[in-house]
Amino acid sequence: MPLLAKLKSDLFKALAHPIRIQILELLREGELCVCHIYENLDQSQSNVSQHLAKLKNAQLVKDRKDGLQVYYSLKDEQVIEILKIAKVILLRQLEETRESLLEG
């Protein structure tokens, strides 16, 4: 398998969970403390931490420690463009489905 195809696959695997998508969308607004992330998502701290670790391993987010607090931010803002494109594709698919249901 070509290296670039493998790397792209790894990137999409890192994005392949709704909680990780939500985390990235929260971080679009800027740096957040872990405590604010799990409160916003109504998830346990351990669950959010596991997802943040996967995003960090994929180099999609970075962390910064300030005393006992850990803050996360996007490592590369371009990941938001991927999410925007996915939204456009999904909205188009939904519209096509709606139109075919109305025709049938």
PDB file of N, CA and C in Angstrom:
ATOM      1  N   MET A   1       0.854  -1.177   0.000  1.00  0.00           N
ATOM      2  CA  MET A   1       0.000   0.000   0.000  1.00  0.00           C
ATOM      3  C   MET A   1       0.898   1.237   0.000  1.00  0.00           C
ATOM      4  N   PRO A   2       0.613   2.190  -0.876  1.00  0.00           N
ATOM      5  CA  PRO A   2       1.393   3.428  -0.886  1.00  0.00           C
ATOM      6  C   PRO A   2       1.290   4.156   0.462  1.00  0.00           C
ATOM      7  N   LEU A   3       2.398   4.768   0.857  1.00  0.00           N
ATOM      8  CA  LEU A   3       2.469   5.437   2.154  1.00  0.00           C
ATOM      9  C   LEU A   3       1.407   6.522   2.305  1.00  0.00           C
ATOM     10  N   LEU A   4       1.210   7.335   1.282  1.00  0.00           N
ATOM     11  CA  LEU A   4       0.237   8.424   1.388  1.00  0.00           C
ATOM     12  C   LEU A   4      -1.173   7.891   1.605  1.00  0.00           C
ATOM     13  N   ALA A   5      -1.527   6.809   0.935  1.00  0.00           N
ATOM     14  CA  ALA A   5      -2.851   6.204   1.130  1.00  0.00           C
ATOM     15  C   ALA A   5      -3.003   5.718   2.567  1.00  0.00           C
ATOM     16  N   LYS A   6      -1.952   5.130   3.127  1.00  0.00           N
ATOM     17  CA  LYS A   6      -1.989   4.655   4.518  1.00  0.00           C
ATOM     18  C   LYS A   6      -2.149   5.829   5.476  1.00  0.00           C
ATOM     19  N   LEU A   7      -1.415   6.907   5.246  1.00  0.00           N
ATOM     20  CA  LEU A   7      -1.502   8.079   6.120  1.00  0.00           C
ATOM     21  C   LEU A   7      -2.884   8.719   6.059  1.00  0.00           C
ATOM     22  N   LYS A   8      -3.461   8.786   4.868  1.00  0.00           N
ATOM     23  CA  LYS A   8      -4.822   9.318   4.736  1.00  0.00           C
ATOM     24  C   LYS A   8      -5.808   8.438   5.487  1.00  0.00           C
ATOM     25  N   SER A   9      -5.646   7.138   5.359  1.00  0.00           N
ATOM     26  CA  SER A   9      -6.516   6.197   6.067  1.00  0.00           C
ATOM     27  C   SER A   9      -6.420   6.400   7.573  1.00  0.00           C
ATOM     28  N   ASP A  10      -5.204   6.580   8.077  1.00  0.00           N
ATOM     29  CA  ASP A  10      -5.010   6.816   9.512  1.00  0.00           C
ATOM     30  C   ASP A  10      -5.688   8.105   9.960  1.00  0.00           C
ATOM     31  N   LEU A  11      -5.613   9.135   9.127  1.00  0.00           N
ATOM     32  CA  LEU A  11      -6.272  10.404   9.446  1.00  0.00           C
ATOM     33  C   LEU A  11      -7.780  10.209   9.572  1.00  0.00           C
ATOM     34  N   PHE A  12      -8.369   9.516   8.605  1.00  0.00           N
ATOM     35  CA  PHE A  12      -9.818   9.312   8.644  1.00  0.00           C
ATOM     36  C   PHE A  12     -10.232   8.393   9.791  1.00  0.00           C
ATOM     37  N   LYS A  13      -9.376   7.457  10.175  1.00  0.00           N
ATOM     38  CA  LYS A  13      -9.669   6.624  11.350  1.00  0.00           C
ATOM     39  C   LYS A  13      -9.729   7.489  12.605  1.00  0.00           C
ATOM     40  N   ALA A  14      -8.827   8.466  12.697  1.00  0.00           N
ATOM     41  CA  ALA A  14      -8.825   9.354  13.864  1.00  0.00           C
ATOM     42  C   ALA A  14     -10.090  10.201  13.917  1.00  0.00           C
ATOM     43  N   LEU A  15     -10.674  10.477  12.768  1.00  0.00           N
ATOM     44  CA  LEU A  15     -11.900  11.280  12.704  1.00  0.00           C
ATOM     45  C   LEU A  15     -13.164  10.432  12.845  1.00  0.00           C
ATOM     46  N   ALA A  16     -13.016   9.127  12.858  1.00  0.00           N
ATOM     47  CA  ALA A  16     -14.152   8.214  12.723  1.00  0.00           C
ATOM     48  C   ALA A  16     -14.884   7.916  14.028  1.00  0.00           C
ATOM     49  N   HIS A  17     -15.185   8.954  14.789  1.00  0.00           N
ATOM     50  CA  HIS A  17     -16.021   8.784  15.981  1.00  0.00           C
ATOM     51  C   HIS A  17     -16.746  10.101  16.253  1.00  0.00           C
ATOM     52  N   PRO A  18     -18.047  10.040  16.528  1.00  0.00           N
ATOM     53  CA  PRO A  18     -18.809  11.283  16.745  1.00  0.00           C
ATOM     54  C   PRO A  18     -18.250  12.165  17.858  1.00  0.00           C
ATOM     55  N   ILE A  19     -17.744  11.576  18.918  1.00  0.00           N
ATOM     56  CA  ILE A  19     -17.207  12.396  20.014  1.00  0.00           C
ATOM     57  C   ILE A  19     -15.957  13.140  19.554  1.00  0.00           C
ATOM     58  N   ARG A  20     -15.116  12.484  18.772  1.00  0.00           N
ATOM     59  CA  ARG A  20     -13.913  13.159  18.283  1.00  0.00           C
ATOM     60  C   ARG A  20     -14.275  14.296  17.327  1.00  0.00           C
ATOM     61  N   ILE A  21     -15.291  14.094  16.520  1.00  0.00           N
ATOM     62  CA  ILE A  21     -15.775  15.175  15.645  1.00  0.00           C
ATOM     63  C   ILE A  21     -16.261  16.346  16.497  1.00  0.00           C
ATOM     64  N   GLN A  22     -17.032  16.049  17.532  1.00  0.00           N
ATOM     65  CA  GLN A  22     -17.546  17.108  18.407  1.00  0.00           C
ATOM     66  C   GLN A  22     -16.408  17.842  19.108  1.00  0.00           C
ATOM     67  N   ILE A  23     -15.388  17.118  19.539  1.00  0.00           N
ATOM     68  CA  ILE A  23     -14.239  17.754  20.185  1.00  0.00           C
ATOM     69  C   ILE A  23     -13.581  18.736  19.218  1.00  0.00           C
ATOM     70  N   LEU A  24     -13.349  18.305  18.002  1.00  0.00           N
ATOM     71  CA  LEU A  24     -12.722  19.188  17.010  1.00  0.00           C
ATOM     72  C   LEU A  24     -13.582  20.414  16.739  1.00  0.00           C
ATOM     73  N   GLU A  25     -14.889  20.220  16.680  1.00  0.00           N
ATOM     74  CA  GLU A  25     -15.779  21.361  16.445  1.00  0.00           C
ATOM     75  C   GLU A  25     -15.764  22.329  17.624  1.00  0.00           C
ATOM     76  N   LEU A  26     -15.658  21.818  18.840  1.00  0.00           N
ATOM     77  CA  LEU A  26     -15.525  22.699  20.005  1.00  0.00           C
ATOM     78  C   LEU A  26     -14.217  23.485  19.941  1.00  0.00           C
ATOM     79  N   LEU A  27     -13.141  22.806  19.563  1.00  0.00           N
ATOM     80  CA  LEU A  27     -11.828  23.447  19.530  1.00  0.00           C
ATOM     81  C   LEU A  27     -11.685  24.433  18.378  1.00  0.00           C
ATOM     82  N   ARG A  28     -12.611  24.391  17.443  1.00  0.00           N
ATOM     83  CA  ARG A  28     -12.604  25.357  16.339  1.00  0.00           C
ATOM     84  C   ARG A  28     -12.652  26.782  16.893  1.00  0.00           C
ATOM     85  N   GLU A  29     -13.332  26.953  18.020  1.00  0.00           N
ATOM     86  CA  GLU A  29     -13.475  28.283  18.625  1.00  0.00           C
ATOM     87  C   GLU A  29     -12.225  28.715  19.384  1.00  0.00           C
ATOM     88  N   GLY A  30     -11.303  27.776  19.643  1.00  0.00           N
ATOM     89  CA  GLY A  30     -10.074  28.110  20.355  1.00  0.00           C
ATOM     90  C   GLY A  30      -9.753  27.099  21.437  1.00  0.00           C
ATOM     91  N   GLU A  31      -8.684  27.371  22.138  1.00  0.00           N
ATOM     92  CA  GLU A  31      -8.179  26.480  23.181  1.00  0.00           C
ATOM     93  C   GLU A  31      -9.201  26.286  24.301  1.00  0.00           C
ATOM     94  N   LEU A  32      -9.313  25.043  24.773  1.00  0.00           N
ATOM     95  CA  LEU A  32     -10.228  24.727  25.870  1.00  0.00           C
ATOM     96  C   LEU A  32      -9.562  23.797  26.869  1.00  0.00           C
ATOM     97  N   CYS A  33      -9.929  23.984  28.123  1.00  0.00           N
ATOM     98  CA  CYS A  33      -9.512  23.077  29.187  1.00  0.00           C
ATOM     99  C   CYS A  33     -10.274  21.759  29.025  1.00  0.00           C
ATOM    100  N   VAL A  34      -9.634  20.652  29.384  1.00  0.00           N
ATOM    101  CA  VAL A  34     -10.296  19.345  29.312  1.00  0.00           C
ATOM    102  C   VAL A  34     -11.631  19.385  30.046  1.00  0.00           C
ATOM    103  N   CYS A  35     -11.665  20.050  31.193  1.00  0.00           N
ATOM    104  CA  CYS A  35     -12.902  20.090  31.984  1.00  0.00           C
ATOM    105  C   CYS A  35     -14.043  20.736  31.197  1.00  0.00           C
ATOM    106  N   HIS A  36     -13.749  21.761  30.405  1.00  0.00           N
ATOM    107  CA  HIS A  36     -14.792  22.393  29.591  1.00  0.00           C
ATOM    108  C   HIS A  36     -15.229  21.496  28.439  1.00  0.00           C
ATOM    109  N   ILE A  37     -14.303  20.717  27.920  1.00  0.00           N
ATOM    110  CA  ILE A  37     -14.646  19.822  26.813  1.00  0.00           C
ATOM    111  C   ILE A  37     -15.613  18.756  27.288  1.00  0.00           C
ATOM    112  N   TYR A  38     -15.294  18.072  28.380  1.00  0.00           N
ATOM    113  CA  TYR A  38     -16.196  16.994  28.809  1.00  0.00           C
ATOM    114  C   TYR A  38     -17.509  17.528  29.348  1.00  0.00           C
ATOM    115  N   GLU A  39     -17.512  18.727  29.911  1.00  0.00           N
ATOM    116  CA  GLU A  39     -18.783  19.320  30.351  1.00  0.00           C
ATOM    117  C   GLU A  39     -19.668  19.656  29.147  1.00  0.00           C
ATOM    118  N   ASN A  40     -19.071  20.214  28.099  1.00  0.00           N
ATOM    119  CA  ASN A  40     -19.833  20.563  26.891  1.00  0.00           C
ATOM    120  C   ASN A  40     -20.391  19.342  26.187  1.00  0.00           C
ATOM    121  N   LEU A  41     -19.688  18.225  26.280  1.00  0.00           N
ATOM    122  CA  LEU A  41     -20.111  17.011  25.587  1.00  0.00           C
ATOM    123  C   LEU A  41     -20.947  16.095  26.464  1.00  0.00           C
ATOM    124  N   ASP A  42     -21.065  16.427  27.742  1.00  0.00           N
ATOM    125  CA  ASP A  42     -21.793  15.587  28.692  1.00  0.00           C
ATOM    126  C   ASP A  42     -21.242  14.158  28.667  1.00  0.00           C
ATOM    127  N   GLN A  43     -19.921  14.067  28.722  1.00  0.00           N
ATOM    128  CA  GLN A  43     -19.208  12.790  28.733  1.00  0.00           C
ATOM    129  C   GLN A  43     -18.299  12.752  29.954  1.00  0.00           C
ATOM    130  N   SER A  44     -17.900  11.545  30.337  1.00  0.00           N
ATOM    131  CA  SER A  44     -16.977  11.415  31.465  1.00  0.00           C
ATOM    132  C   SER A  44     -15.598  11.933  31.057  1.00  0.00           C
ATOM    133  N   GLN A  45     -14.845  12.350  32.062  1.00  0.00           N
ATOM    134  CA  GLN A  45     -13.506  12.859  31.791  1.00  0.00           C
ATOM    135  C   GLN A  45     -12.629  11.771  31.172  1.00  0.00           C
ATOM    136  N   SER A  46     -12.757  10.537  31.652  1.00  0.00           N
ATOM    137  CA  SER A  46     -11.915   9.462  31.115  1.00  0.00           C
ATOM    138  C   SER A  46     -12.247   9.181  29.649  1.00  0.00           C
ATOM    139  N   ASN A  47     -13.529   9.222  29.298  1.00  0.00           N
ATOM    140  CA  ASN A  47     -13.931   8.994  27.910  1.00  0.00           C
ATOM    141  C   ASN A  47     -13.371  10.089  27.003  1.00  0.00           C
ATOM    142  N   VAL A  48     -13.526  11.326  27.414  1.00  0.00           N
ATOM    143  CA  VAL A  48     -13.016  12.449  26.623  1.00  0.00           C
ATOM    144  C   VAL A  48     -11.493  12.375  26.519  1.00  0.00           C
ATOM    145  N   SER A  49     -10.835  12.016  27.612  1.00  0.00           N
ATOM    146  CA  SER A  49      -9.372  11.920  27.596  1.00  0.00           C
ATOM    147  C   SER A  49      -8.889  10.864  26.610  1.00  0.00           C
ATOM    148  N   GLN A  50      -9.609   9.754  26.522  1.00  0.00           N
ATOM    149  CA  GLN A  50      -9.240   8.708  25.558  1.00  0.00           C
ATOM    150  C   GLN A  50      -9.357   9.230  24.125  1.00  0.00           C
ATOM    151  N   HIS A  51     -10.431   9.955  23.853  1.00  0.00           N
ATOM    152  CA  HIS A  51     -10.615  10.501  22.507  1.00  0.00           C
ATOM    153  C   HIS A  51      -9.588  11.592  22.205  1.00  0.00           C
ATOM    154  N   LEU A  52      -9.270  12.411  23.195  1.00  0.00           N
ATOM    155  CA  LEU A  52      -8.244  13.436  22.998  1.00  0.00           C
ATOM    156  C   LEU A  52      -6.887  12.794  22.717  1.00  0.00           C
ATOM    157  N   ALA A  53      -6.601  11.689  23.381  1.00  0.00           N
ATOM    158  CA  ALA A  53      -5.334  10.985  23.147  1.00  0.00           C
ATOM    159  C   ALA A  53      -5.252  10.490  21.705  1.00  0.00           C
ATOM    160  N   LYS A  54      -6.357   9.975  21.179  1.00  0.00           N
ATOM    161  CA  LYS A  54      -6.358   9.511  19.785  1.00  0.00           C
ATOM    162  C   LYS A  54      -6.157  10.683  18.826  1.00  0.00           C
ATOM    163  N   LEU A  55      -6.803  11.806  19.121  1.00  0.00           N
ATOM    164  CA  LEU A  55      -6.635  12.988  18.275  1.00  0.00           C
ATOM    165  C   LEU A  55      -5.207  13.528  18.357  1.00  0.00           C
ATOM    166  N   LYS A  56      -4.632  13.465  19.546  1.00  0.00           N
ATOM    167  CA  LYS A  56      -3.254  13.930  19.724  1.00  0.00           C
ATOM    168  C   LYS A  56      -2.283  13.004  18.997  1.00  0.00           C
ATOM    169  N   ASN A  57      -2.484  11.697  19.105  1.00  0.00           N
ATOM    170  CA  ASN A  57      -1.622  10.741  18.400  1.00  0.00           C
ATOM    171  C   ASN A  57      -1.692  10.930  16.891  1.00  0.00           C
ATOM    172  N   ALA A  58      -2.846  11.370  16.406  1.00  0.00           N
ATOM    173  CA  ALA A  58      -3.023  11.632  14.976  1.00  0.00           C
ATOM    174  C   ALA A  58      -2.531  13.032  14.596  1.00  0.00           C
ATOM    175  N   GLN A  59      -1.994  13.756  15.567  1.00  0.00           N
ATOM    176  CA  GLN A  59      -1.469  15.109  15.376  1.00  0.00           C
ATOM    177  C   GLN A  59      -2.527  16.099  14.912  1.00  0.00           C
ATOM    178  N   LEU A  60      -3.763  15.885  15.382  1.00  0.00           N
ATOM    179  CA  LEU A  60      -4.848  16.808  15.052  1.00  0.00           C
ATOM    180  C   LEU A  60      -5.046  17.857  16.136  1.00  0.00           C
ATOM    181  N   VAL A  61      -4.650  17.528  17.373  1.00  0.00           N
ATOM    182  CA  VAL A  61      -4.727  18.486  18.474  1.00  0.00           C
ATOM    183  C   VAL A  61      -3.385  18.511  19.205  1.00  0.00           C
ATOM    184  N   LYS A  62      -3.186  19.581  19.944  1.00  0.00           N
ATOM    185  CA  LYS A  62      -2.000  19.702  20.796  1.00  0.00           C
ATOM    186  C   LYS A  62      -2.464  20.101  22.181  1.00  0.00           C
ATOM    187  N   ASP A  63      -1.638  19.820  23.178  1.00  0.00           N
ATOM    188  CA  ASP A  63      -2.008  20.170  24.546  1.00  0.00           C
ATOM    189  C   ASP A  63      -0.973  21.098  25.169  1.00  0.00           C
ATOM    190  N   ARG A  64      -1.435  21.765  26.222  1.00  0.00           N
ATOM    191  CA  ARG A  64      -0.596  22.681  26.990  1.00  0.00           C
ATOM    192  C   ARG A  64      -1.006  22.544  28.440  1.00  0.00           C
ATOM    193  N   LYS A  65      -0.026  22.377  29.320  1.00  0.00           N
ATOM    194  CA  LYS A  65      -0.331  22.239  30.745  1.00  0.00           C
ATOM    195  C   LYS A  65      -0.104  23.567  31.443  1.00  0.00           C
ATOM    196  N   ASP A  66      -1.037  23.878  32.345  1.00  0.00           N
ATOM    197  CA  ASP A  66      -0.941  25.075  33.174  1.00  0.00           C
ATOM    198  C   ASP A  66      -1.303  24.643  34.586  1.00  0.00           C
ATOM    199  N   GLY A  67      -0.299  24.346  35.382  1.00  0.00           N
ATOM    200  CA  GLY A  67      -0.560  23.802  36.712  1.00  0.00           C
ATOM    201  C   GLY A  67      -1.171  22.423  36.585  1.00  0.00           C
ATOM    202  N   LEU A  68      -2.334  22.241  37.186  1.00  0.00           N
ATOM    203  CA  LEU A  68      -3.024  20.959  37.112  1.00  0.00           C
ATOM    204  C   LEU A  68      -3.948  20.855  35.907  1.00  0.00           C
ATOM    205  N   GLN A  69      -4.178  21.958  35.235  1.00  0.00           N
ATOM    206  CA  GLN A  69      -5.092  21.982  34.095  1.00  0.00           C
ATOM    207  C   GLN A  69      -4.363  21.644  32.794  1.00  0.00           C
ATOM    208  N   VAL A  70      -5.069  20.942  31.917  1.00  0.00           N
ATOM    209  CA  VAL A  70      -4.542  20.649  30.584  1.00  0.00           C
ATOM    210  C   VAL A  70      -5.483  21.295  29.572  1.00  0.00           C
ATOM    211  N   TYR A  71      -4.905  22.061  28.668  1.00  0.00           N
ATOM    212  CA  TYR A  71      -5.664  22.765  27.645  1.00  0.00           C
ATOM    213  C   TYR A  71      -5.351  22.155  26.280  1.00  0.00           C
ATOM    214  N   TYR A  72      -6.373  22.059  25.453  1.00  0.00           N
ATOM    215  CA  TYR A  72      -6.215  21.505  24.108  1.00  0.00           C
ATOM    216  C   TYR A  72      -6.610  22.540  23.072  1.00  0.00           C
ATOM    217  N   SER A  73      -5.947  22.456  21.932  1.00  0.00           N
ATOM    218  CA  SER A  73      -6.282  23.307  20.788  1.00  0.00           C
ATOM    219  C   SER A  73      -5.997  22.514  19.513  1.00  0.00           C
ATOM    220  N   LEU A  74      -6.509  23.024  18.408  1.00  0.00           N
ATOM    221  CA  LEU A  74      -6.255  22.381  17.120  1.00  0.00           C
ATOM    222  C   LEU A  74      -4.790  22.559  16.752  1.00  0.00           C
ATOM    223  N   LYS A  75      -4.183  21.507  16.271  1.00  0.00           N
ATOM    224  CA  LYS A  75      -2.793  21.609  15.817  1.00  0.00           C
ATOM    225  C   LYS A  75      -2.738  22.183  14.407  1.00  0.00           C
ATOM    226  N   ASP A  76      -3.756  21.875  13.618  1.00  0.00           N
ATOM    227  CA  ASP A  76      -3.825  22.370  12.240  1.00  0.00           C
ATOM    228  C   ASP A  76      -5.278  22.723  11.936  1.00  0.00           C
ATOM    229  N   GLU A  77      -5.523  23.984  11.677  1.00  0.00           N
ATOM    230  CA  GLU A  77      -6.886  24.462  11.424  1.00  0.00           C
ATOM    231  C   GLU A  77      -7.517  23.825  10.186  1.00  0.00           C
ATOM    232  N   GLN A  78      -6.708  23.258   9.301  1.00  0.00           N
ATOM    233  CA  GLN A  78      -7.235  22.665   8.071  1.00  0.00           C
ATOM    234  C   GLN A  78      -8.172  21.498   8.345  1.00  0.00           C
ATOM    235  N   VAL A  79      -8.061  20.875   9.509  1.00  0.00           N
ATOM    236  CA  VAL A  79      -8.962  19.760   9.827  1.00  0.00           C
ATOM    237  C   VAL A  79     -10.416  20.232   9.813  1.00  0.00           C
ATOM    238  N   ILE A  80     -10.641  21.493  10.142  1.00  0.00           N
ATOM    239  CA  ILE A  80     -11.998  22.040  10.112  1.00  0.00           C
ATOM    240  C   ILE A  80     -12.517  22.077   8.677  1.00  0.00           C
ATOM    241  N   GLU A  81     -11.628  22.299   7.713  1.00  0.00           N
ATOM    242  CA  GLU A  81     -12.037  22.280   6.303  1.00  0.00           C
ATOM    243  C   GLU A  81     -12.533  20.894   5.907  1.00  0.00           C
ATOM    244  N   ILE A  82     -11.880  19.853   6.421  1.00  0.00           N
ATOM    245  CA  ILE A  82     -12.335  18.481   6.152  1.00  0.00           C
ATOM    246  C   ILE A  82     -13.755  18.301   6.675  1.00  0.00           C
ATOM    247  N   LEU A  83     -14.011  18.796   7.884  1.00  0.00           N
ATOM    248  CA  LEU A  83     -15.346  18.661   8.483  1.00  0.00           C
ATOM    249  C   LEU A  83     -16.382  19.465   7.701  1.00  0.00           C
ATOM    250  N   LYS A  84     -15.999  20.641   7.212  1.00  0.00           N
ATOM    251  CA  LYS A  84     -16.924  21.450   6.411  1.00  0.00           C
ATOM    252  C   LYS A  84     -17.272  20.747   5.106  1.00  0.00           C
ATOM    253  N   ILE A  85     -16.275  20.164   4.458  1.00  0.00           N
ATOM    254  CA  ILE A  85     -16.519  19.443   3.205  1.00  0.00           C
ATOM    255  C   ILE A  85     -17.423  18.243   3.458  1.00  0.00           C
ATOM    256  N   ALA A  86     -17.190  17.534   4.555  1.00  0.00           N
ATOM    257  CA  ALA A  86     -18.046  16.392   4.901  1.00  0.00           C
ATOM    258  C   ALA A  86     -19.488  16.848   5.081  1.00  0.00           C
ATOM    259  N   LYS A  87     -19.681  18.007   5.708  1.00  0.00           N
ATOM    260  CA  LYS A  87     -21.032  18.532   5.909  1.00  0.00           C
ATOM    261  C   LYS A  87     -21.710  18.827   4.579  1.00  0.00           C
ATOM    262  N   VAL A  88     -20.980  19.432   3.651  1.00  0.00           N
ATOM    263  CA  VAL A  88     -21.534  19.737   2.327  1.00  0.00           C
ATOM    264  C   VAL A  88     -21.948  18.451   1.620  1.00  0.00           C
ATOM    265  N   ILE A  89     -21.094  17.443   1.659  1.00  0.00           N
ATOM    266  CA  ILE A  89     -21.403  16.158   1.018  1.00  0.00           C
ATOM    267  C   ILE A  89     -22.645  15.541   1.637  1.00  0.00           C
ATOM    268  N   LEU A  90     -22.705  15.531   2.968  1.00  0.00           N
ATOM    269  CA  LEU A  90     -23.844  14.918   3.660  1.00  0.00           C
ATOM    270  C   LEU A  90     -25.146  15.662   3.393  1.00  0.00           C
ATOM    271  N   LEU A  91     -25.097  16.986   3.380  1.00  0.00           N
ATOM    272  CA  LEU A  91     -26.306  17.762   3.089  1.00  0.00           C
ATOM    273  C   LEU A  91     -26.797  17.498   1.668  1.00  0.00           C
ATOM    274  N   ARG A  92     -25.872  17.377   0.736  1.00  0.00           N
ATOM    275  CA  ARG A  92     -26.241  17.065  -0.645  1.00  0.00           C
ATOM    276  C   ARG A  92     -26.884  15.676  -0.722  1.00  0.00           C
ATOM    277  N   GLN A  93     -26.309  14.707  -0.030  1.00  0.00           N
ATOM    278  CA  GLN A  93     -26.872  13.353  -0.025  1.00  0.00           C
ATOM    279  C   GLN A  93     -28.265  13.334   0.594  1.00  0.00           C
ATOM    280  N   LEU A  94     -28.439  14.085   1.685  1.00  0.00           N
ATOM    281  CA  LEU A  94     -29.757  14.156   2.319  1.00  0.00           C
ATOM    282  C   LEU A  94     -30.788  14.778   1.386  1.00  0.00           C
ATOM    283  N   GLU A  95     -30.379  15.814   0.673  1.00  0.00           N
ATOM    284  CA  GLU A  95     -31.291  16.467  -0.270  1.00  0.00           C
ATOM    285  C   GLU A  95     -31.676  15.515  -1.396  1.00  0.00           C
ATOM    286  N   GLU A  96     -30.716  14.762  -1.904  1.00  0.00           N
ATOM    287  CA  GLU A  96     -31.012  13.788  -2.959  1.00  0.00           C
ATOM    288  C   GLU A  96     -31.966  12.708  -2.453  1.00  0.00           C
ATOM    289  N   THR A  97     -31.762  12.267  -1.222  1.00  0.00           N
ATOM    290  CA  THR A  97     -32.651  11.262  -0.629  1.00  0.00           C
ATOM    291  C   THR A  97     -34.051  11.827  -0.465  1.00  0.00           C
ATOM    292  N   ARG A  98     -34.136  13.065   0.015  1.00  0.00           N
ATOM    293  CA  ARG A  98     -35.433  13.717   0.195  1.00  0.00           C
ATOM    294  C   ARG A  98     -36.158  13.832  -1.141  1.00  0.00           C
ATOM    295  N   GLU A  99     -35.442  14.252  -2.162  1.00  0.00           N
ATOM    296  CA  GLU A  99     -36.054  14.398  -3.489  1.00  0.00           C
ATOM    297  C   GLU A  99     -36.545  13.061  -4.033  1.00  0.00           C
ATOM    298  N   SER A 100     -35.770  12.011  -3.846  1.00  0.00           N
ATOM    299  CA  SER A 100     -36.200  10.699  -4.356  1.00  0.00           C
ATOM    300  C   SER A 100     -37.400  10.178  -3.580  1.00  0.00           C
ATOM    301  N   LEU A 101     -37.496  10.503  -2.291  1.00  0.00           N
ATOM    302  CA  LEU A 101     -38.669  10.099  -1.510  1.00  0.00           C
ATOM    303  C   LEU A 101     -39.913  10.853  -1.958  1.00  0.00           C
ATOM    304  N   LEU A 102     -39.742  12.128  -2.293  1.00  0.00           N
ATOM    305  CA  LEU A 102     -40.877  12.926  -2.760  1.00  0.00           C
ATOM    306  C   LEU A 102     -41.359  12.461  -4.129  1.00  0.00           C
ATOM    307  N   GLU A 103     -40.446  11.983  -4.955  1.00  0.00           N
ATOM    308  CA  GLU A 103     -40.805  11.486  -6.285  1.00  0.00           C
ATOM    309  C   GLU A 103     -41.521  10.142  -6.206  1.00  0.00           C
ATOM    310  N   GLY A 104     -41.153   9.334  -5.214  1.00  0.00           N
ATOM    311  CA  GLY A 104     -41.688   7.967  -5.112  1.00  0.00           C
ATOM    312  C   GLY A 104     -42.975   7.953  -4.444  1.00  0.00           C
TER     313      GLY A 104
END
